Amino acid sequence: MNILNRKYLTLAFLFIWFIFAFIVLSGCMSSEQKDILQKAEVASLTYFKENYGIDVEFTNHKFIPADLSHTVSLTGYVKGNKDQEVFAMVDYDTYEVKTGSVPDHIKPLK
């Protein structure tokens, strides 16, 4: 086998391995977790709108281990300003926002 064929074979192998890893890693969240996340985001969007009058966009989430708490944390930012970070902890048994955090200059409406 010449060097050129070996090079293409190696590149093809790496490409296939990358695609396989991407598919496996992207499918790690169960449909139940996706449903929980979607409902938690809706509850949090409502919380921030009703309590602070702001629209937010979520960029990350983390499920707290279920043996500790049935909670998912959401992080993101105020729409239109990625420097204004927000945070919410949502109980996914009740979809109640247990904790919400906004930048100091944003005051509660109530």
C-alpha atoms as a PDB file:
ATOM      1  CA  MET A   1       0.000   0.000   0.000  1.00  0.00           C
ATOM      2  CA  ASN A   2       1.488   3.323  -0.950  1.00  0.00           C
ATOM      3  CA  ILE A   3       1.711   6.306   1.402  1.00  0.00           C
ATOM      4  CA  LEU A   4      -1.073   8.264  -0.337  1.00  0.00           C
ATOM      5  CA  ASN A   5      -3.593   5.413   0.066  1.00  0.00           C
ATOM      6  CA  ARG A   6      -2.592   4.913   3.701  1.00  0.00           C
ATOM      7  CA  LYS A   7      -3.070   8.645   4.344  1.00  0.00           C
ATOM      8  CA  TYR A   8      -6.592   8.611   2.854  1.00  0.00           C
ATOM      9  CA  LEU A   9      -7.485   5.458   4.748  1.00  0.00           C
ATOM     10  CA  THR A  10      -6.334   7.062   8.013  1.00  0.00           C
ATOM     11  CA  LEU A  11      -8.328  10.222   7.300  1.00  0.00           C
ATOM     12  CA  ALA A  12     -11.432   8.181   6.450  1.00  0.00           C
ATOM     13  CA  PHE A  13     -11.065   6.188   9.669  1.00  0.00           C
ATOM     14  CA  LEU A  14     -10.715   9.373  11.754  1.00  0.00           C
ATOM     15  CA  PHE A  15     -13.721  10.933  10.045  1.00  0.00           C
ATOM     16  CA  ILE A  16     -15.898   7.864  10.697  1.00  0.00           C
ATOM     17  CA  TRP A  17     -14.695   7.716  14.311  1.00  0.00           C
ATOM     18  CA  PHE A  18     -15.549  11.410  14.810  1.00  0.00           C
ATOM     19  CA  ILE A  19     -19.059  10.943  13.389  1.00  0.00           C
ATOM     20  CA  PHE A  20     -19.621   7.871  15.576  1.00  0.00           C
ATOM     21  CA  ALA A  21     -18.460   9.735  18.717  1.00  0.00           C
ATOM     22  CA  PHE A  22     -20.668  12.719  17.885  1.00  0.00           C
ATOM     23  CA  ILE A  23     -23.760  10.542  17.449  1.00  0.00           C
ATOM     24  CA  VAL A  24     -23.129   8.635  20.678  1.00  0.00           C
ATOM     25  CA  LEU A  25     -22.427  11.753  22.748  1.00  0.00           C
ATOM     26  CA  SER A  26     -25.316  13.788  21.362  1.00  0.00           C
ATOM     27  CA  GLY A  27     -27.782  11.044  22.228  1.00  0.00           C
ATOM     28  CA  CYS A  28     -26.890  10.950  25.922  1.00  0.00           C
ATOM     29  CA  MET A  29     -29.980  12.816  27.113  1.00  0.00           C
ATOM     30  CA  SER A  30     -33.047  10.611  27.452  1.00  0.00           C
ATOM     31  CA  SER A  31     -36.421  11.691  26.138  1.00  0.00           C
ATOM     32  CA  GLU A  32     -37.548  12.041  29.769  1.00  0.00           C
ATOM     33  CA  GLN A  33     -34.679  14.446  30.484  1.00  0.00           C
ATOM     34  CA  LYS A  34     -35.456  16.413  27.319  1.00  0.00           C
ATOM     35  CA  ASP A  35     -39.078  16.750  28.458  1.00  0.00           C
ATOM     36  CA  ILE A  36     -38.003  17.826  31.960  1.00  0.00           C
ATOM     37  CA  LEU A  37     -35.592  20.369  30.498  1.00  0.00           C
ATOM     38  CA  GLN A  38     -38.221  21.839  28.171  1.00  0.00           C
ATOM     39  CA  LYS A  39     -40.741  22.230  31.025  1.00  0.00           C
ATOM     40  CA  ALA A  40     -38.079  23.676  33.354  1.00  0.00           C
ATOM     41  CA  GLU A  41     -37.138  26.248  30.710  1.00  0.00           C
ATOM     42  CA  VAL A  42     -40.782  27.294  30.279  1.00  0.00           C
ATOM     43  CA  ALA A  43     -41.193  27.651  34.064  1.00  0.00           C
ATOM     44  CA  SER A  44     -37.987  29.700  34.275  1.00  0.00           C
ATOM     45  CA  LEU A  45     -38.882  31.955  31.353  1.00  0.00           C
ATOM     46  CA  THR A  46     -42.190  32.709  33.076  1.00  0.00           C
ATOM     47  CA  TYR A  47     -40.428  33.293  36.416  1.00  0.00           C
ATOM     48  CA  PHE A  48     -37.985  35.840  34.988  1.00  0.00           C
ATOM     49  CA  LYS A  49     -40.703  37.614  32.976  1.00  0.00           C
ATOM     50  CA  GLU A  50     -43.162  37.839  35.892  1.00  0.00           C
ATOM     51  CA  ASN A  51     -40.624  38.709  38.598  1.00  0.00           C
ATOM     52  CA  TYR A  52     -38.113  40.876  36.730  1.00  0.00           C
ATOM     53  CA  GLY A  53     -39.793  41.818  33.441  1.00  0.00           C
ATOM     54  CA  ILE A  54     -36.964  40.344  31.392  1.00  0.00           C
ATOM     55  CA  ASP A  55     -36.726  37.838  28.578  1.00  0.00           C
ATOM     56  CA  VAL A  56     -33.902  35.347  28.874  1.00  0.00           C
ATOM     57  CA  GLU A  57     -32.193  32.755  26.744  1.00  0.00           C
ATOM     58  CA  PHE A  58     -30.787  29.576  28.279  1.00  0.00           C
ATOM     59  CA  THR A  59     -27.463  28.249  27.073  1.00  0.00           C
ATOM     60  CA  ASN A  60     -26.654  25.455  29.496  1.00  0.00           C
ATOM     61  CA  HIS A  61     -28.211  23.078  31.992  1.00  0.00           C
ATOM     62  CA  LYS A  62     -27.161  20.531  34.574  1.00  0.00           C
ATOM     63  CA  PHE A  63     -29.186  17.844  36.283  1.00  0.00           C
ATOM     64  CA  ILE A  64     -28.383  17.524  39.987  1.00  0.00           C
ATOM     65  CA  PRO A  65     -27.977  13.809  40.867  1.00  0.00           C
ATOM     66  CA  ALA A  66     -31.475  12.420  41.516  1.00  0.00           C
ATOM     67  CA  ASP A  67     -30.449  10.844  44.830  1.00  0.00           C
ATOM     68  CA  LEU A  68     -29.662  14.367  46.123  1.00  0.00           C
ATOM     69  CA  SER A  69     -32.444  16.423  44.614  1.00  0.00           C
ATOM     70  CA  HIS A  70     -34.910  16.459  41.738  1.00  0.00           C
ATOM     71  CA  THR A  71     -33.479  19.722  40.458  1.00  0.00           C
ATOM     72  CA  VAL A  72     -32.116  21.023  37.197  1.00  0.00           C
ATOM     73  CA  SER A  73     -30.021  24.179  37.004  1.00  0.00           C
ATOM     74  CA  LEU A  74     -30.291  26.473  34.015  1.00  0.00           C
ATOM     75  CA  THR A  75     -27.831  29.179  33.025  1.00  0.00           C
ATOM     76  CA  GLY A  76     -28.156  31.772  30.330  1.00  0.00           C
ATOM     77  CA  TYR A  77     -28.396  35.501  29.754  1.00  0.00           C
ATOM     78  CA  VAL A  78     -30.798  38.383  29.338  1.00  0.00           C
ATOM     79  CA  LYS A  79     -31.867  38.515  25.692  1.00  0.00           C
ATOM     80  CA  GLY A  80     -29.941  41.151  23.845  1.00  0.00           C
ATOM     81  CA  ASN A  81     -27.034  41.205  26.299  1.00  0.00           C
ATOM     82  CA  LYS A  82     -24.892  38.094  26.705  1.00  0.00           C
ATOM     83  CA  ASP A  83     -22.918  39.812  29.485  1.00  0.00           C
ATOM     84  CA  GLN A  84     -25.978  39.824  31.790  1.00  0.00           C
ATOM     85  CA  GLU A  85     -26.003  36.257  33.080  1.00  0.00           C
ATOM     86  CA  VAL A  86     -28.996  34.580  34.716  1.00  0.00           C
ATOM     87  CA  PHE A  87     -29.351  31.382  36.705  1.00  0.00           C
ATOM     88  CA  ALA A  88     -32.307  29.282  37.843  1.00  0.00           C
ATOM     89  CA  MET A  89     -32.754  26.124  39.923  1.00  0.00           C
ATOM     90  CA  VAL A  90     -35.983  24.300  39.078  1.00  0.00           C
ATOM     91  CA  ASP A  91     -37.591  21.460  41.042  1.00  0.00           C
ATOM     92  CA  TYR A  92     -38.703  19.109  38.294  1.00  0.00           C
ATOM     93  CA  ASP A  93     -41.332  17.391  40.439  1.00  0.00           C
ATOM     94  CA  THR A  94     -43.308  20.642  40.696  1.00  0.00           C
ATOM     95  CA  TYR A  95     -41.602  22.801  38.026  1.00  0.00           C
ATOM     96  CA  GLU A  96     -41.233  25.537  40.617  1.00  0.00           C
ATOM     97  CA  VAL A  97     -38.247  27.848  40.373  1.00  0.00           C
ATOM     98  CA  LYS A  98     -36.544  27.426  43.757  1.00  0.00           C
ATOM     99  CA  THR A  99     -33.784  29.980  43.110  1.00  0.00           C
ATOM    100  CA  GLY A 100     -33.338  32.635  40.484  1.00  0.00           C
ATOM    101  CA  SER A 101     -30.410  34.965  40.011  1.00  0.00           C
ATOM    102  CA  VAL A 102     -30.074  38.077  37.845  1.00  0.00           C
ATOM    103  CA  PRO A 103     -27.486  40.882  37.603  1.00  0.00           C
ATOM    104  CA  ASP A 104     -27.566  43.293  40.570  1.00  0.00           C
ATOM    105  CA  HIS A 105     -28.874  46.249  38.567  1.00  0.00           C
ATOM    106  CA  ILE A 106     -32.047  44.352  37.584  1.00  0.00           C
ATOM    107  CA  LYS A 107     -34.602  44.894  40.335  1.00  0.00           C
ATOM    108  CA  PRO A 108     -37.667  42.752  41.072  1.00  0.00           C
ATOM    109  CA  LEU A 109     -41.013  44.060  39.828  1.00  0.00           C
ATOM    110  CA  LYS A 110     -42.841  43.176  43.048  1.00  0.00           C
END
